[in-house]
Amino acid sequence: MAQPPELIAVTGANGYLGRHIMALLGERGFGVHGDRYELCRGMTVIHAGWAVPTTMAGGAELEQALCVTMTEHLIASRPKRIVFVSTLTGGGPYLEAKREAEDIIKESDIPHTILRFPGLFGHPKHHGVIWENLTNGAPIPDPYACIHVVLAARECVRCAYL
């Protein structure tokens, strides 16, 4: 395995996937989180953060704009490497924003890995179609696919080592 990066920044460190990423980084003895993108300069960044302003006026369109802007600010901070958490599921403005963020990252000169995960499940999330079907023994409906959140977090951390 490659040498671990000196520091790793995690956007969305307090989110569902981000908490699992931070736990894995903590087990390895490192990890950093900051809300200010200038702190990411020269660092490997696992970009798992995503604005979800469900209670704000503007709804999905505002979410899309915030998330694209978040990625633009991250690129401007000049990180050493980006591991971007994208998706295979969802639709509408959410999926459009993820794809637009992917394009922004691809067009930059920053080394990167884009991970397109299916739906996530696992502790502490106890809601949603995937969770309900898994706990009731029902099949996962098409077009849903899923991966346990711990496995997704492991893949994010593994890619940070590339």
N, C-alpha and C. Protein backbone atom coordinates (compact mmCIF):
# COMPACT_ATOMS: atom_id res chain seq x y z
N MET A 1 0.84 -1.18 0.00
CA MET A 1 0.00 0.00 0.00
C MET A 1 0.88 1.24 0.00
N ALA A 2 0.42 2.27 -0.67
CA ALA A 2 1.17 3.52 -0.74
C ALA A 2 1.26 4.17 0.64
N GLN A 3 2.20 5.10 0.76
CA GLN A 3 2.34 5.84 2.01
C GLN A 3 1.09 6.69 2.23
N PRO A 4 0.63 6.80 3.47
CA PRO A 4 -0.55 7.64 3.73
C PRO A 4 -0.21 9.11 3.50
N PRO A 5 -1.18 9.88 3.03
CA PRO A 5 -0.95 11.32 2.90
C PRO A 5 -0.68 11.92 4.28
N GLU A 6 0.05 13.04 4.31
CA GLU A 6 0.35 13.66 5.60
C GLU A 6 -0.91 14.10 6.31
N LEU A 7 -1.81 14.76 5.60
CA LEU A 7 -3.06 15.22 6.17
C LEU A 7 -4.19 14.94 5.18
N ILE A 8 -5.35 14.66 5.71
CA ILE A 8 -6.53 14.48 4.87
C ILE A 8 -7.62 15.39 5.42
N ALA A 9 -8.21 16.18 4.54
CA ALA A 9 -9.36 17.00 4.90
C ALA A 9 -10.61 16.26 4.43
N VAL A 10 -11.66 16.36 5.20
CA VAL A 10 -12.92 15.70 4.85
C VAL A 10 -14.02 16.74 4.86
N THR A 11 -14.61 17.01 3.70
CA THR A 11 -15.80 17.85 3.70
C THR A 11 -16.97 16.95 4.05
N GLY A 12 -17.91 17.49 4.78
CA GLY A 12 -19.03 16.66 5.22
C GLY A 12 -18.68 15.72 6.35
N ALA A 13 -17.67 16.08 7.14
CA ALA A 13 -17.18 15.20 8.20
C ALA A 13 -18.24 14.86 9.24
N ASN A 14 -19.26 15.67 9.36
CA ASN A 14 -20.32 15.40 10.33
C ASN A 14 -21.54 14.76 9.70
N GLY A 15 -21.46 14.45 8.42
CA GLY A 15 -22.58 13.82 7.73
C GLY A 15 -22.59 12.31 7.89
N TYR A 16 -23.55 11.70 7.24
CA TYR A 16 -23.74 10.24 7.36
C TYR A 16 -22.50 9.47 6.94
N LEU A 17 -21.99 9.68 5.74
CA LEU A 17 -20.78 9.00 5.28
C LEU A 17 -19.55 9.61 5.95
N GLY A 18 -19.51 10.93 6.08
CA GLY A 18 -18.35 11.61 6.64
C GLY A 18 -17.96 11.14 8.03
N ARG A 19 -18.95 10.85 8.87
CA ARG A 19 -18.64 10.34 10.22
C ARG A 19 -17.91 9.00 10.16
N HIS A 20 -18.29 8.17 9.23
CA HIS A 20 -17.63 6.88 9.08
C HIS A 20 -16.21 7.05 8.52
N ILE A 21 -16.05 7.98 7.60
CA ILE A 21 -14.72 8.28 7.07
C ILE A 21 -13.82 8.78 8.19
N MET A 22 -14.32 9.71 9.00
CA MET A 22 -13.53 10.26 10.10
C MET A 22 -13.15 9.18 11.11
N ALA A 23 -14.06 8.25 11.37
CA ALA A 23 -13.75 7.16 12.30
C ALA A 23 -12.61 6.31 11.77
N LEU A 24 -12.64 6.00 10.47
CA LEU A 24 -11.56 5.20 9.88
C LEU A 24 -10.24 5.95 9.90
N LEU A 25 -10.29 7.24 9.60
CA LEU A 25 -9.07 8.04 9.64
C LEU A 25 -8.52 8.12 11.06
N GLY A 26 -9.42 8.24 12.03
CA GLY A 26 -9.00 8.27 13.44
C GLY A 26 -8.31 6.98 13.85
N GLU A 27 -8.82 5.85 13.36
CA GLU A 27 -8.18 4.56 13.65
C GLU A 27 -6.77 4.51 13.09
N ARG A 28 -6.52 5.25 12.02
CA ARG A 28 -5.19 5.28 11.40
C ARG A 28 -4.33 6.41 11.95
N GLY A 29 -4.88 7.16 12.88
CA GLY A 29 -4.09 8.17 13.57
C GLY A 29 -4.03 9.53 12.91
N PHE A 30 -4.88 9.80 11.93
CA PHE A 30 -4.88 11.13 11.34
C PHE A 30 -6.26 11.48 10.82
N GLY A 31 -6.40 12.71 10.47
CA GLY A 31 -7.64 13.23 9.93
C GLY A 31 -7.80 14.66 10.38
N VAL A 32 -8.34 15.47 9.53
CA VAL A 32 -8.56 16.87 9.86
C VAL A 32 -9.85 17.30 9.18
N HIS A 33 -10.52 18.24 9.78
CA HIS A 33 -11.74 18.77 9.19
C HIS A 33 -11.79 20.25 9.43
N GLY A 34 -12.13 20.99 8.41
CA GLY A 34 -12.32 22.42 8.56
C GLY A 34 -13.35 22.90 7.56
N ASP A 35 -14.08 23.91 7.92
CA ASP A 35 -15.09 24.45 7.03
C ASP A 35 -14.53 25.50 6.09
N ARG A 36 -13.28 25.83 6.24
CA ARG A 36 -12.67 26.86 5.40
C ARG A 36 -11.79 26.19 4.37
N TYR A 37 -12.11 26.41 3.11
CA TYR A 37 -11.43 25.70 2.04
C TYR A 37 -9.95 26.05 1.92
N GLU A 38 -9.56 27.26 2.34
CA GLU A 38 -8.14 27.59 2.24
C GLU A 38 -7.29 26.66 3.10
N LEU A 39 -7.91 25.99 4.08
CA LEU A 39 -7.18 25.04 4.90
C LEU A 39 -6.84 23.77 4.12
N CYS A 40 -7.46 23.59 2.95
CA CYS A 40 -7.26 22.38 2.15
C CYS A 40 -6.08 22.48 1.20
N ARG A 41 -5.47 23.65 1.10
CA ARG A 41 -4.36 23.84 0.15
C ARG A 41 -3.26 22.81 0.41
N GLY A 42 -2.90 22.09 -0.66
CA GLY A 42 -1.82 21.13 -0.57
C GLY A 42 -2.16 19.83 0.12
N MET A 43 -3.43 19.64 0.49
CA MET A 43 -3.84 18.43 1.21
C MET A 43 -4.65 17.51 0.30
N THR A 44 -4.72 16.26 0.67
CA THR A 44 -5.67 15.35 0.05
C THR A 44 -7.03 15.63 0.69
N VAL A 45 -8.06 15.74 -0.14
CA VAL A 45 -9.40 16.06 0.35
C VAL A 45 -10.37 14.97 -0.09
N ILE A 46 -11.08 14.41 0.87
CA ILE A 46 -12.21 13.53 0.57
C ILE A 46 -13.43 14.44 0.60
N HIS A 47 -13.99 14.69 -0.58
CA HIS A 47 -15.09 15.64 -0.72
C HIS A 47 -16.42 14.88 -0.63
N ALA A 48 -16.89 14.71 0.61
CA ALA A 48 -18.15 14.01 0.87
C ALA A 48 -19.24 14.97 1.31
N GLY A 49 -18.91 16.26 1.38
CA GLY A 49 -19.87 17.25 1.84
C GLY A 49 -20.87 17.60 0.76
N TRP A 50 -22.08 17.85 1.18
CA TRP A 50 -23.14 18.22 0.25
C TRP A 50 -24.17 19.02 1.00
N ALA A 51 -24.53 20.17 0.48
CA ALA A 51 -25.53 21.03 1.12
C ALA A 51 -26.92 20.50 0.83
N VAL A 52 -27.71 20.34 1.85
CA VAL A 52 -29.08 19.88 1.68
C VAL A 52 -30.00 20.85 2.42
N PRO A 53 -30.30 21.98 1.79
CA PRO A 53 -31.12 23.00 2.46
C PRO A 53 -32.61 22.71 2.34
N THR A 54 -33.05 21.59 2.88
CA THR A 54 -34.44 21.17 2.72
C THR A 54 -35.43 22.13 3.37
N THR A 55 -34.98 22.91 4.34
CA THR A 55 -35.90 23.83 5.00
C THR A 55 -35.73 25.26 4.51
N MET A 56 -34.85 25.47 3.56
CA MET A 56 -34.59 26.81 3.06
C MET A 56 -35.45 27.09 1.83
N ALA A 57 -35.78 28.36 1.64
CA ALA A 57 -36.46 28.77 0.41
C ALA A 57 -35.49 28.53 -0.75
N GLY A 58 -35.98 28.06 -1.85
CA GLY A 58 -35.13 27.79 -3.00
C GLY A 58 -35.00 26.31 -3.27
N GLY A 59 -35.17 25.49 -2.25
CA GLY A 59 -35.20 24.04 -2.38
C GLY A 59 -34.10 23.43 -3.22
N ALA A 60 -34.50 22.57 -4.17
CA ALA A 60 -33.55 21.78 -4.95
C ALA A 60 -32.62 22.64 -5.79
N GLU A 61 -33.13 23.74 -6.33
CA GLU A 61 -32.27 24.60 -7.16
C GLU A 61 -31.18 25.25 -6.32
N LEU A 62 -31.52 25.65 -5.11
CA LEU A 62 -30.53 26.22 -4.21
C LEU A 62 -29.51 25.17 -3.81
N GLU A 63 -29.98 23.95 -3.53
CA GLU A 63 -29.08 22.84 -3.20
C GLU A 63 -28.07 22.65 -4.31
N GLN A 64 -28.54 22.61 -5.55
CA GLN A 64 -27.67 22.41 -6.69
C GLN A 64 -26.63 23.52 -6.77
N ALA A 65 -27.05 24.77 -6.66
CA ALA A 65 -26.13 25.89 -6.75
C ALA A 65 -25.10 25.86 -5.63
N LEU A 66 -25.53 25.58 -4.39
CA LEU A 66 -24.61 25.53 -3.26
C LEU A 66 -23.56 24.44 -3.45
N CYS A 67 -23.98 23.29 -3.92
CA CYS A 67 -23.05 22.17 -4.05
C CYS A 67 -22.03 22.39 -5.16
N VAL A 68 -22.46 22.98 -6.24
CA VAL A 68 -21.52 23.30 -7.33
C VAL A 68 -20.54 24.36 -6.85
N THR A 69 -21.04 25.37 -6.16
CA THR A 69 -20.17 26.43 -5.63
C THR A 69 -19.18 25.86 -4.62
N MET A 70 -19.63 24.93 -3.80
CA MET A 70 -18.75 24.28 -2.83
C MET A 70 -17.57 23.61 -3.55
N THR A 71 -17.86 22.94 -4.64
CA THR A 71 -16.80 22.25 -5.40
C THR A 71 -15.88 23.27 -6.06
N GLU A 72 -16.42 24.35 -6.58
CA GLU A 72 -15.58 25.40 -7.18
C GLU A 72 -14.63 26.00 -6.15
N HIS A 73 -15.12 26.26 -4.95
CA HIS A 73 -14.25 26.80 -3.89
C HIS A 73 -13.17 25.79 -3.50
N LEU A 74 -13.53 24.53 -3.48
CA LEU A 74 -12.55 23.50 -3.16
C LEU A 74 -11.43 23.48 -4.20
N ILE A 75 -11.79 23.50 -5.48
CA ILE A 75 -10.80 23.52 -6.56
C ILE A 75 -9.90 24.75 -6.42
N ALA A 76 -10.50 25.89 -6.13
CA ALA A 76 -9.73 27.14 -6.00
C ALA A 76 -8.75 27.09 -4.83
N SER A 77 -9.00 26.24 -3.85
CA SER A 77 -8.10 26.14 -2.70
C SER A 77 -6.82 25.37 -3.03
N ARG A 78 -6.79 24.72 -4.19
CA ARG A 78 -5.61 23.99 -4.69
C ARG A 78 -5.20 22.83 -3.79
N PRO A 79 -6.10 21.87 -3.56
CA PRO A 79 -5.68 20.68 -2.81
C PRO A 79 -4.72 19.84 -3.64
N LYS A 80 -4.02 18.96 -2.96
CA LYS A 80 -3.08 18.07 -3.65
C LYS A 80 -3.82 17.01 -4.45
N ARG A 81 -4.92 16.53 -3.91
CA ARG A 81 -5.69 15.45 -4.53
C ARG A 81 -7.12 15.54 -4.01
N ILE A 82 -8.09 15.13 -4.84
CA ILE A 82 -9.49 15.11 -4.43
C ILE A 82 -10.06 13.71 -4.64
N VAL A 83 -10.71 13.20 -3.62
CA VAL A 83 -11.54 11.99 -3.73
C VAL A 83 -12.97 12.50 -3.61
N PHE A 84 -13.70 12.45 -4.72
CA PHE A 84 -15.06 13.01 -4.75
C PHE A 84 -16.09 11.91 -4.64
N VAL A 85 -17.00 12.10 -3.69
CA VAL A 85 -18.08 11.14 -3.49
C VAL A 85 -19.27 11.57 -4.33
N SER A 86 -19.54 10.77 -5.37
CA SER A 86 -20.68 11.04 -6.23
C SER A 86 -21.71 9.93 -6.05
N THR A 87 -22.60 9.77 -6.99
CA THR A 87 -23.70 8.84 -6.79
C THR A 87 -24.11 8.14 -8.08
N LEU A 88 -24.70 6.98 -7.92
CA LEU A 88 -25.34 6.26 -9.01
C LEU A 88 -26.85 6.40 -8.93
N THR A 89 -27.35 6.86 -7.79
CA THR A 89 -28.79 6.91 -7.55
C THR A 89 -29.26 8.35 -7.41
N GLY A 90 -30.54 8.51 -7.35
CA GLY A 90 -31.13 9.84 -7.23
C GLY A 90 -31.48 10.36 -8.61
N GLY A 91 -31.89 11.57 -8.65
CA GLY A 91 -32.28 12.17 -9.91
C GLY A 91 -32.49 13.65 -9.75
N GLY A 92 -32.96 14.27 -10.81
CA GLY A 92 -33.28 15.69 -10.78
C GLY A 92 -32.09 16.56 -10.46
N PRO A 93 -32.33 17.67 -9.75
CA PRO A 93 -31.26 18.62 -9.44
C PRO A 93 -30.10 18.00 -8.65
N TYR A 94 -30.40 17.03 -7.79
CA TYR A 94 -29.34 16.38 -7.00
C TYR A 94 -28.33 15.70 -7.93
N LEU A 95 -28.83 14.86 -8.83
CA LEU A 95 -27.95 14.15 -9.75
C LEU A 95 -27.27 15.12 -10.71
N GLU A 96 -27.99 16.12 -11.17
CA GLU A 96 -27.40 17.13 -12.06
C GLU A 96 -26.24 17.84 -11.37
N ALA A 97 -26.42 18.20 -10.10
CA ALA A 97 -25.36 18.88 -9.35
C ALA A 97 -24.15 17.98 -9.16
N LYS A 98 -24.38 16.71 -8.86
CA LYS A 98 -23.26 15.78 -8.70
C LYS A 98 -22.47 15.67 -10.01
N ARG A 99 -23.18 15.55 -11.13
CA ARG A 99 -22.49 15.44 -12.43
C ARG A 99 -21.75 16.73 -12.77
N GLU A 100 -22.36 17.88 -12.46
CA GLU A 100 -21.70 19.15 -12.72
C GLU A 100 -20.44 19.28 -11.87
N ALA A 101 -20.51 18.86 -10.61
CA ALA A 101 -19.33 18.88 -9.74
C ALA A 101 -18.25 17.94 -10.28
N GLU A 102 -18.66 16.76 -10.76
CA GLU A 102 -17.69 15.84 -11.37
C GLU A 102 -16.97 16.53 -12.53
N ASP A 103 -17.73 17.21 -13.39
CA ASP A 103 -17.13 17.88 -14.55
C ASP A 103 -16.15 18.96 -14.13
N ILE A 104 -16.48 19.72 -13.10
CA ILE A 104 -15.59 20.76 -12.60
C ILE A 104 -14.28 20.14 -12.13
N ILE A 105 -14.38 19.03 -11.43
CA ILE A 105 -13.17 18.35 -10.94
C ILE A 105 -12.36 17.79 -12.10
N LYS A 106 -13.03 17.15 -13.06
CA LYS A 106 -12.32 16.57 -14.21
C LYS A 106 -11.61 17.63 -15.04
N GLU A 107 -12.21 18.82 -15.15
CA GLU A 107 -11.61 19.88 -15.95
C GLU A 107 -10.46 20.58 -15.24
N SER A 108 -10.29 20.34 -13.96
CA SER A 108 -9.18 20.93 -13.22
C SER A 108 -7.92 20.11 -13.49
N ASP A 109 -6.80 20.65 -13.08
CA ASP A 109 -5.54 19.92 -13.22
C ASP A 109 -5.17 19.19 -11.93
N ILE A 110 -6.13 19.05 -11.03
CA ILE A 110 -5.87 18.41 -9.74
C ILE A 110 -6.09 16.91 -9.86
N PRO A 111 -5.13 16.09 -9.44
CA PRO A 111 -5.35 14.63 -9.46
C PRO A 111 -6.59 14.29 -8.64
N HIS A 112 -7.37 13.34 -9.14
CA HIS A 112 -8.64 13.05 -8.48
C HIS A 112 -9.10 11.62 -8.73
N THR A 113 -10.01 11.21 -7.88
CA THR A 113 -10.75 9.97 -8.04
C THR A 113 -12.21 10.32 -7.79
N ILE A 114 -13.08 9.85 -8.68
CA ILE A 114 -14.51 10.06 -8.51
C ILE A 114 -15.15 8.72 -8.21
N LEU A 115 -15.81 8.65 -7.07
CA LEU A 115 -16.47 7.41 -6.64
C LEU A 115 -17.98 7.61 -6.77
N ARG A 116 -18.61 6.78 -7.59
CA ARG A 116 -20.07 6.84 -7.76
C ARG A 116 -20.70 5.68 -6.99
N PHE A 117 -21.13 5.99 -5.78
CA PHE A 117 -21.73 4.96 -4.94
C PHE A 117 -23.23 4.83 -5.22
N PRO A 118 -23.74 3.61 -5.06
CA PRO A 118 -25.20 3.46 -5.04
C PRO A 118 -25.71 3.95 -3.69
N GLY A 119 -26.97 3.73 -3.38
CA GLY A 119 -27.53 4.14 -2.10
C GLY A 119 -26.77 3.54 -0.94
N LEU A 120 -26.61 4.31 0.13
CA LEU A 120 -25.90 3.85 1.32
C LEU A 120 -26.90 3.39 2.38
N PHE A 121 -26.52 2.38 3.14
CA PHE A 121 -27.32 1.96 4.28
C PHE A 121 -26.39 1.55 5.39
N GLY A 122 -26.93 1.45 6.59
CA GLY A 122 -26.15 1.05 7.76
C GLY A 122 -26.34 2.03 8.88
N HIS A 123 -25.85 1.66 10.05
CA HIS A 123 -26.00 2.47 11.26
C HIS A 123 -25.39 3.85 11.05
N PRO A 124 -25.95 4.92 11.47
CA PRO A 124 -27.15 5.07 12.27
C PRO A 124 -28.40 5.39 11.44
N LYS A 125 -28.34 5.21 10.14
CA LYS A 125 -29.48 5.56 9.29
C LYS A 125 -30.55 4.49 9.38
N HIS A 126 -31.69 4.88 9.84
CA HIS A 126 -32.79 3.93 10.03
C HIS A 126 -34.05 4.42 9.32
N HIS A 127 -33.89 4.82 8.08
CA HIS A 127 -35.03 5.27 7.30
C HIS A 127 -34.70 5.15 5.82
N GLY A 128 -35.67 5.36 4.99
CA GLY A 128 -35.48 5.30 3.55
C GLY A 128 -35.87 3.95 2.97
N VAL A 129 -36.00 3.91 1.67
CA VAL A 129 -36.45 2.71 0.97
C VAL A 129 -35.52 1.53 1.21
N ILE A 130 -34.23 1.75 1.12
CA ILE A 130 -33.27 0.65 1.28
C ILE A 130 -33.38 0.07 2.69
N TRP A 131 -33.33 0.93 3.71
CA TRP A 131 -33.40 0.46 5.09
C TRP A 131 -34.70 -0.29 5.36
N GLU A 132 -35.80 0.29 4.95
CA GLU A 132 -37.09 -0.34 5.20
C GLU A 132 -37.19 -1.71 4.54
N ASN A 133 -36.72 -1.83 3.32
CA ASN A 133 -36.79 -3.12 2.64
C ASN A 133 -35.84 -4.14 3.25
N LEU A 134 -34.65 -3.70 3.63
CA LEU A 134 -33.70 -4.63 4.24
C LEU A 134 -34.22 -5.15 5.58
N THR A 135 -34.81 -4.29 6.39
CA THR A 135 -35.29 -4.72 7.70
C THR A 135 -36.58 -5.53 7.62
N ASN A 136 -37.31 -5.39 6.53
CA ASN A 136 -38.55 -6.15 6.36
C ASN A 136 -38.38 -7.39 5.49
N GLY A 137 -37.17 -7.64 5.04
CA GLY A 137 -36.91 -8.81 4.21
C GLY A 137 -37.42 -8.68 2.79
N ALA A 138 -37.78 -7.48 2.39
CA ALA A 138 -38.27 -7.26 1.03
C ALA A 138 -37.09 -7.01 0.09
N PRO A 139 -37.26 -7.29 -1.19
CA PRO A 139 -36.17 -7.01 -2.14
C PRO A 139 -35.97 -5.51 -2.31
N ILE A 140 -34.78 -5.14 -2.68
CA ILE A 140 -34.49 -3.74 -2.98
C ILE A 140 -35.11 -3.45 -4.34
N PRO A 141 -35.99 -2.45 -4.43
CA PRO A 141 -36.65 -2.19 -5.71
C PRO A 141 -35.71 -1.58 -6.74
N ASP A 142 -35.93 -1.91 -8.00
CA ASP A 142 -35.20 -1.23 -9.07
C ASP A 142 -35.64 0.22 -9.08
N PRO A 143 -34.82 1.18 -9.38
CA PRO A 143 -33.44 1.05 -9.81
C PRO A 143 -32.44 1.15 -8.66
N TYR A 144 -32.87 0.84 -7.44
CA TYR A 144 -31.99 0.98 -6.29
C TYR A 144 -30.94 -0.12 -6.24
N ALA A 145 -29.77 0.30 -5.88
CA ALA A 145 -28.69 -0.60 -5.53
C ALA A 145 -28.16 -0.04 -4.20
N CYS A 146 -27.40 -0.81 -3.48
CA CYS A 146 -26.95 -0.27 -2.20
C CYS A 146 -25.59 -0.84 -1.81
N ILE A 147 -24.94 -0.11 -0.90
CA ILE A 147 -23.67 -0.51 -0.32
C ILE A 147 -23.69 -0.06 1.14
N HIS A 148 -23.11 -0.86 2.01
CA HIS A 148 -23.05 -0.48 3.42
C HIS A 148 -22.14 0.73 3.56
N VAL A 149 -22.52 1.66 4.40
CA VAL A 149 -21.81 2.92 4.56
C VAL A 149 -20.36 2.70 5.00
N VAL A 150 -20.08 1.68 5.79
CA VAL A 150 -18.70 1.42 6.23
C VAL A 150 -17.83 0.99 5.04
N LEU A 151 -18.39 0.20 4.14
CA LEU A 151 -17.63 -0.20 2.95
C LEU A 151 -17.35 1.01 2.05
N ALA A 152 -18.33 1.91 1.92
CA ALA A 152 -18.12 3.13 1.13
C ALA A 152 -17.04 3.99 1.78
N ALA A 153 -17.07 4.12 3.10
CA ALA A 153 -16.05 4.91 3.80
C ALA A 153 -14.66 4.31 3.61
N ARG A 154 -14.56 2.98 3.68
CA ARG A 154 -13.26 2.32 3.46
C ARG A 154 -12.72 2.62 2.07
N GLU A 155 -13.60 2.63 1.07
CA GLU A 155 -13.16 2.91 -0.30
C GLU A 155 -12.69 4.36 -0.43
N CYS A 156 -13.37 5.29 0.23
CA CYS A 156 -12.93 6.69 0.22
C CYS A 156 -11.52 6.83 0.80
N VAL A 157 -11.30 6.19 1.95
CA VAL A 157 -9.99 6.26 2.60
C VAL A 157 -8.93 5.57 1.76
N ARG A 158 -9.26 4.42 1.18
CA ARG A 158 -8.31 3.71 0.32
C ARG A 158 -7.88 4.60 -0.85
N CYS A 159 -8.85 5.27 -1.46
CA CYS A 159 -8.53 6.14 -2.61
C CYS A 159 -7.70 7.35 -2.21
N ALA A 160 -7.80 7.78 -0.97
CA ALA A 160 -6.98 8.88 -0.51
C ALA A 160 -5.50 8.50 -0.46
N TYR A 161 -5.22 7.22 -0.41
CA TYR A 161 -3.84 6.73 -0.37
C TYR A 161 -3.22 6.61 -1.74
N LEU A 162 -3.99 6.71 -2.81
CA LEU A 162 -3.46 6.50 -4.17
C LEU A 162 -2.47 7.56 -4.56
